[in-house]
Amino acid sequence: MDANKKWLSIPKEIRGKITKNVFCGHCKDAVTIESFTIEDDQFGIVLKGKCQKCGHEVARVVES
C-alpha cells in the first residue's frame, strides 16, 4: 500500500489531530504542519512539511 493510501485509511478526525500535533524544534512546541508531503517509512508513514507558526521544517512519523 502506498503512503497516501495508508494516510487516507486513517479516520479523518484522527488525521486532523495528527496534523495539529507536530513538534517544531524552532518553536519548542506542538504546532500544525502545513504544505506537507506523505512518504513511506519502515515504521509506517512520515509527514514532512512546514510549521504553521514559523515556517521551520517539521516532520511527524505515523506508525502503522
PDB file of N, CA and C in Angstrom:
ATOM      1  N   MET A   1       0.858  -1.187   0.000  1.00  0.00           N
ATOM      2  CA  MET A   1       0.000   0.000   0.000  1.00  0.00           C
ATOM      3  C   MET A   1       0.899   1.244   0.000  1.00  0.00           C
ATOM      4  N   ASP A   2       0.587   2.208  -0.840  1.00  0.00           N
ATOM      5  CA  ASP A   2       1.436   3.409  -0.871  1.00  0.00           C
ATOM      6  C   ASP A   2       1.114   4.347   0.297  1.00  0.00           C
ATOM      7  N   ALA A   3       2.003   5.282   0.535  1.00  0.00           N
ATOM      8  CA  ALA A   3       1.912   6.172   1.701  1.00  0.00           C
ATOM      9  C   ALA A   3       0.599   6.949   1.735  1.00  0.00           C
ATOM     10  N   ASN A   4       0.157   7.445   0.584  1.00  0.00           N
ATOM     11  CA  ASN A   4      -1.077   8.232   0.550  1.00  0.00           C
ATOM     12  C   ASN A   4      -2.288   7.377   0.919  1.00  0.00           C
ATOM     13  N   LYS A   5      -2.322   6.133   0.450  1.00  0.00           N
ATOM     14  CA  LYS A   5      -3.435   5.241   0.795  1.00  0.00           C
ATOM     15  C   LYS A   5      -3.429   4.933   2.292  1.00  0.00           C
ATOM     16  N   LYS A   6      -2.229   4.736   2.850  1.00  0.00           N
ATOM     17  CA  LYS A   6      -2.130   4.497   4.302  1.00  0.00           C
ATOM     18  C   LYS A   6      -2.680   5.698   5.063  1.00  0.00           C
ATOM     19  N   TRP A   7      -2.296   6.906   4.621  1.00  0.00           N
ATOM     20  CA  TRP A   7      -2.751   8.140   5.274  1.00  0.00           C
ATOM     21  C   TRP A   7      -4.265   8.259   5.189  1.00  0.00           C
ATOM     22  N   LEU A   8      -4.819   8.015   4.013  1.00  0.00           N
ATOM     23  CA  LEU A   8      -6.265   8.142   3.831  1.00  0.00           C
ATOM     24  C   LEU A   8      -7.057   7.043   4.528  1.00  0.00           C
ATOM     25  N   SER A   9      -6.376   5.947   4.910  1.00  0.00           N
ATOM     26  CA  SER A   9      -7.072   4.875   5.638  1.00  0.00           C
ATOM     27  C   SER A   9      -7.275   5.235   7.109  1.00  0.00           C
ATOM     28  N   ILE A  10      -6.591   6.290   7.570  1.00  0.00           N
ATOM     29  CA  ILE A  10      -6.774   6.780   8.942  1.00  0.00           C
ATOM     30  C   ILE A  10      -8.022   7.652   8.955  1.00  0.00           C
ATOM     31  N   PRO A  11      -8.905   7.468   9.958  1.00  0.00           N
ATOM     32  CA  PRO A  11     -10.123   8.298  10.004  1.00  0.00           C
ATOM     33  C   PRO A  11      -9.799   9.797   9.965  1.00  0.00           C
ATOM     34  N   LYS A  12     -10.672  10.557   9.281  1.00  0.00           N
ATOM     35  CA  LYS A  12     -10.439  11.991   9.051  1.00  0.00           C
ATOM     36  C   LYS A  12     -10.185  12.763  10.348  1.00  0.00           C
ATOM     37  N   GLU A  13     -10.949  12.491  11.401  1.00  0.00           N
ATOM     38  CA  GLU A  13     -10.763  13.255  12.648  1.00  0.00           C
ATOM     39  C   GLU A  13      -9.417  12.951  13.296  1.00  0.00           C
ATOM     40  N   ILE A  14      -8.929  11.717  13.147  1.00  0.00           N
ATOM     41  CA  ILE A  14      -7.609  11.354  13.684  1.00  0.00           C
ATOM     42  C   ILE A  14      -6.514  12.038  12.862  1.00  0.00           C
ATOM     43  N   ARG A  15      -6.683  12.067  11.530  1.00  0.00           N
ATOM     44  CA  ARG A  15      -5.713  12.771  10.677  1.00  0.00           C
ATOM     45  C   ARG A  15      -5.607  14.233  11.082  1.00  0.00           C
ATOM     46  N   GLY A  16      -6.749  14.835  11.392  1.00  0.00           N
ATOM     47  CA  GLY A  16      -6.761  16.239  11.828  1.00  0.00           C
ATOM     48  C   GLY A  16      -5.985  16.433  13.119  1.00  0.00           C
ATOM     49  N   LYS A  17      -6.156  15.503  14.065  1.00  0.00           N
ATOM     50  CA  LYS A  17      -5.424  15.591  15.337  1.00  0.00           C
ATOM     51  C   LYS A  17      -3.930  15.419  15.113  1.00  0.00           C
ATOM     52  N   ILE A  18      -3.548  14.520  14.214  1.00  0.00           N
ATOM     53  CA  ILE A  18      -2.132  14.275  13.926  1.00  0.00           C
ATOM     54  C   ILE A  18      -1.487  15.526  13.322  1.00  0.00           C
ATOM     55  N   THR A  19      -2.155  16.159  12.361  1.00  0.00           N
ATOM     56  CA  THR A  19      -1.564  17.328  11.695  1.00  0.00           C
ATOM     57  C   THR A  19      -1.476  18.543  12.621  1.00  0.00           C
ATOM     58  N   LYS A  20      -2.265  18.539  13.707  1.00  0.00           N
ATOM     59  CA  LYS A  20      -2.225  19.652  14.661  1.00  0.00           C
ATOM     60  C   LYS A  20      -1.295  19.352  15.841  1.00  0.00           C
ATOM     61  N   ASN A  21      -0.581  18.203  15.803  1.00  0.00           N
ATOM     62  CA  ASN A  21       0.267  17.802  16.925  1.00  0.00           C
ATOM     63  C   ASN A  21       1.631  17.344  16.413  1.00  0.00           C
ATOM     64  N   VAL A  22       2.363  18.283  15.812  1.00  0.00           N
ATOM     65  CA  VAL A  22       3.691  18.013  15.274  1.00  0.00           C
ATOM     66  C   VAL A  22       4.674  18.899  16.031  1.00  0.00           C
ATOM     67  N   PHE A  23       5.773  18.314  16.516  1.00  0.00           N
ATOM     68  CA  PHE A  23       6.732  19.100  17.292  1.00  0.00           C
ATOM     69  C   PHE A  23       7.626  19.928  16.386  1.00  0.00           C
ATOM     70  N   CYS A  24       7.743  21.213  16.704  1.00  0.00           N
ATOM     71  CA  CYS A  24       8.652  22.103  15.982  1.00  0.00           C
ATOM     72  C   CYS A  24       9.842  22.403  16.889  1.00  0.00           C
ATOM     73  N   GLY A  25      11.032  22.045  16.436  1.00  0.00           N
ATOM     74  CA  GLY A  25      12.244  22.282  17.202  1.00  0.00           C
ATOM     75  C   GLY A  25      12.575  23.759  17.348  1.00  0.00           C
ATOM     76  N   HIS A  26      12.086  24.579  16.431  1.00  0.00           N
ATOM     77  CA  HIS A  26      12.338  26.026  16.497  1.00  0.00           C
ATOM     78  C   HIS A  26      11.395  26.685  17.498  1.00  0.00           C
ATOM     79  N   CYS A  27      10.103  26.348  17.441  1.00  0.00           N
ATOM     80  CA  CYS A  27       9.112  26.921  18.357  1.00  0.00           C
ATOM     81  C   CYS A  27       9.133  26.222  19.723  1.00  0.00           C
ATOM     82  N   LYS A  28       9.729  25.032  19.789  1.00  0.00           N
ATOM     83  CA  LYS A  28       9.773  24.209  21.006  1.00  0.00           C
ATOM     84  C   LYS A  28       8.360  23.921  21.522  1.00  0.00           C
ATOM     85  N   ASP A  29       7.465  23.581  20.581  1.00  0.00           N
ATOM     86  CA  ASP A  29       6.067  23.359  20.934  1.00  0.00           C
ATOM     87  C   ASP A  29       5.396  22.473  19.880  1.00  0.00           C
ATOM     88  N   ALA A  30       4.242  21.962  20.227  1.00  0.00           N
ATOM     89  CA  ALA A  30       3.419  21.223  19.262  1.00  0.00           C
ATOM     90  C   ALA A  30       2.715  22.251  18.388  1.00  0.00           C
ATOM     91  N   VAL A  31       2.807  22.053  17.071  1.00  0.00           N
ATOM     92  CA  VAL A  31       2.256  23.004  16.105  1.00  0.00           C
ATOM     93  C   VAL A  31       1.463  22.259  15.039  1.00  0.00           C
ATOM     94  N   THR A  32       0.838  23.017  14.157  1.00  0.00           N
ATOM     95  CA  THR A  32       0.150  22.450  12.996  1.00  0.00           C
ATOM     96  C   THR A  32       1.129  22.408  11.827  1.00  0.00           C
ATOM     97  N   ILE A  33       1.172  21.250  11.154  1.00  0.00           N
ATOM     98  CA  ILE A  33       2.022  21.094   9.970  1.00  0.00           C
ATOM     99  C   ILE A  33       1.223  21.546   8.752  1.00  0.00           C
ATOM    100  N   GLU A  34       1.902  22.243   7.826  1.00  0.00           N
ATOM    101  CA  GLU A  34       1.232  22.654   6.585  1.00  0.00           C
ATOM    102  C   GLU A  34       2.137  22.371   5.394  1.00  0.00           C
ATOM    103  N   SER A  35       1.544  22.366   4.219  1.00  0.00           N
ATOM    104  CA  SER A  35       2.272  22.095   2.970  1.00  0.00           C
ATOM    105  C   SER A  35       3.098  20.819   3.084  1.00  0.00           C
ATOM    106  N   PHE A  36       2.471  19.756   3.600  1.00  0.00           N
ATOM    107  CA  PHE A  36       3.230  18.534   3.862  1.00  0.00           C
ATOM    108  C   PHE A  36       3.101  17.490   2.759  1.00  0.00           C
ATOM    109  N   THR A  37       4.141  16.673   2.674  1.00  0.00           N
ATOM    110  CA  THR A  37       4.140  15.512   1.791  1.00  0.00           C
ATOM    111  C   THR A  37       4.044  14.275   2.678  1.00  0.00           C
ATOM    112  N   ILE A  38       3.642  13.175   2.083  1.00  0.00           N
ATOM    113  CA  ILE A  38       3.482  11.917   2.805  1.00  0.00           C
ATOM    114  C   ILE A  38       4.419  10.904   2.168  1.00  0.00           C
ATOM    115  N   GLU A  39       5.288  10.304   2.986  1.00  0.00           N
ATOM    116  CA  GLU A  39       6.266   9.349   2.477  1.00  0.00           C
ATOM    117  C   GLU A  39       6.194   8.043   3.248  1.00  0.00           C
ATOM    118  N   ASP A  40       6.481   6.951   2.545  1.00  0.00           N
ATOM    119  CA  ASP A  40       6.571   5.649   3.205  1.00  0.00           C
ATOM    120  C   ASP A  40       7.787   5.622   4.120  1.00  0.00           C
ATOM    121  N   ASP A  41       7.674   4.882   5.215  1.00  0.00           N
ATOM    122  CA  ASP A  41       8.767   4.731   6.174  1.00  0.00           C
ATOM    123  C   ASP A  41       8.716   3.302   6.699  1.00  0.00           C
ATOM    124  N   GLN A  42       9.820   2.817   7.212  1.00  0.00           N
ATOM    125  CA  GLN A  42       9.843   1.440   7.713  1.00  0.00           C
ATOM    126  C   GLN A  42       8.872   1.243   8.875  1.00  0.00           C
ATOM    127  N   PHE A  43       8.528   2.322   9.583  1.00  0.00           N
ATOM    128  CA  PHE A  43       7.613   2.222  10.720  1.00  0.00           C
ATOM    129  C   PHE A  43       6.171   2.571  10.378  1.00  0.00           C
ATOM    130  N   GLY A  44       5.921   3.078   9.179  1.00  0.00           N
ATOM    131  CA  GLY A  44       4.574   3.496   8.772  1.00  0.00           C
ATOM    132  C   GLY A  44       4.669   4.538   7.683  1.00  0.00           C
ATOM    133  N   ILE A  45       4.303   5.788   8.021  1.00  0.00           N
ATOM    134  CA  ILE A  45       4.431   6.899   7.082  1.00  0.00           C
ATOM    135  C   ILE A  45       5.032   8.102   7.810  1.00  0.00           C
ATOM    136  N   VAL A  46       5.586   9.032   7.034  1.00  0.00           N
ATOM    137  CA  VAL A  46       6.152  10.264   7.593  1.00  0.00           C
ATOM    138  C   VAL A  46       5.521  11.449   6.874  1.00  0.00           C
ATOM    139  N   LEU A  47       5.047  12.412   7.670  1.00  0.00           N
ATOM    140  CA  LEU A  47       4.562  13.674   7.122  1.00  0.00           C
ATOM    141  C   LEU A  47       5.723  14.660   7.212  1.00  0.00           C
ATOM    142  N   LYS A  48       6.088  15.271   6.101  1.00  0.00           N
ATOM    143  CA  LYS A  48       7.170  16.266   6.082  1.00  0.00           C
ATOM    144  C   LYS A  48       6.600  17.557   5.529  1.00  0.00           C
ATOM    145  N   GLY A  49       6.769  18.637   6.297  1.00  0.00           N
ATOM    146  CA  GLY A  49       6.226  19.921   5.858  1.00  0.00           C
ATOM    147  C   GLY A  49       6.801  21.072   6.643  1.00  0.00           C
ATOM    148  N   LYS A  50       5.994  22.116   6.793  1.00  0.00           N
ATOM    149  CA  LYS A  50       6.431  23.355   7.441  1.00  0.00           C
ATOM    150  C   LYS A  50       5.569  23.633   8.674  1.00  0.00           C
ATOM    151  N   CYS A  51       6.204  24.260   9.675  1.00  0.00           N
ATOM    152  CA  CYS A  51       5.498  24.719  10.864  1.00  0.00           C
ATOM    153  C   CYS A  51       4.592  25.886  10.473  1.00  0.00           C
ATOM    154  N   GLN A  52       3.341  25.827  10.904  1.00  0.00           N
ATOM    155  CA  GLN A  52       2.392  26.889  10.572  1.00  0.00           C
ATOM    156  C   GLN A  52       2.780  28.214  11.243  1.00  0.00           C
ATOM    157  N   LYS A  53       3.443  28.139  12.413  1.00  0.00           N
ATOM    158  CA  LYS A  53       3.806  29.365  13.145  1.00  0.00           C
ATOM    159  C   LYS A  53       5.036  30.062  12.560  1.00  0.00           C
ATOM    160  N   CYS A  54       6.130  29.300  12.334  1.00  0.00           N
ATOM    161  CA  CYS A  54       7.404  29.945  11.970  1.00  0.00           C
ATOM    162  C   CYS A  54       7.937  29.551  10.594  1.00  0.00           C
ATOM    163  N   GLY A  55       7.365  28.521   9.966  1.00  0.00           N
ATOM    164  CA  GLY A  55       7.817  28.099   8.647  1.00  0.00           C
ATOM    165  C   GLY A  55       8.985  27.123   8.670  1.00  0.00           C
ATOM    166  N   HIS A  56       9.476  26.785   9.869  1.00  0.00           N
ATOM    167  CA  HIS A  56      10.582  25.836  10.021  1.00  0.00           C
ATOM    168  C   HIS A  56      10.140  24.459   9.514  1.00  0.00           C
ATOM    169  N   GLU A  57      11.078  23.669   8.981  1.00  0.00           N
ATOM    170  CA  GLU A  57      10.739  22.325   8.518  1.00  0.00           C
ATOM    171  C   GLU A  57      10.438  21.424   9.714  1.00  0.00           C
ATOM    172  N   VAL A  58       9.348  20.667   9.607  1.00  0.00           N
ATOM    173  CA  VAL A  58       8.953  19.722  10.649  1.00  0.00           C
ATOM    174  C   VAL A  58       8.576  18.393  10.005  1.00  0.00           C
ATOM    175  N   ALA A  59       8.558  17.348  10.825  1.00  0.00           N
ATOM    176  CA  ALA A  59       8.159  16.019  10.351  1.00  0.00           C
ATOM    177  C   ALA A  59       7.446  15.285  11.469  1.00  0.00           C
ATOM    178  N   ARG A  60       6.573  14.354  11.092  1.00  0.00           N
ATOM    179  CA  ARG A  60       5.842  13.555  12.069  1.00  0.00           C
ATOM    180  C   ARG A  60       5.756  12.135  11.529  1.00  0.00           C
ATOM    181  N   VAL A  61       6.211  11.167  12.342  1.00  0.00           N
ATOM    182  CA  VAL A  61       6.087   9.745  11.988  1.00  0.00           C
ATOM    183  C   VAL A  61       4.719   9.273  12.473  1.00  0.00           C
ATOM    184  N   VAL A  62       3.997   8.573  11.609  1.00  0.00           N
ATOM    185  CA  VAL A  62       2.726   7.949  11.980  1.00  0.00           C
ATOM    186  C   VAL A  62       2.953   6.451  11.841  1.00  0.00           C
ATOM    187  N   GLU A  63       3.056   5.765  12.984  1.00  0.00           N
ATOM    188  CA  GLU A  63       3.348   4.339  12.975  1.00  0.00           C
ATOM    189  C   GLU A  63       2.158   3.540  12.499  1.00  0.00           C
ATOM    190  N   SER A  64       2.452   2.430  11.785  1.00  0.00           N
ATOM    191  CA  SER A  64       1.383   1.561  11.301  1.00  0.00           C
ATOM    192  C   SER A  64       0.798   0.771  12.447  1.00  0.00           C
TER     193      SER A  64
END
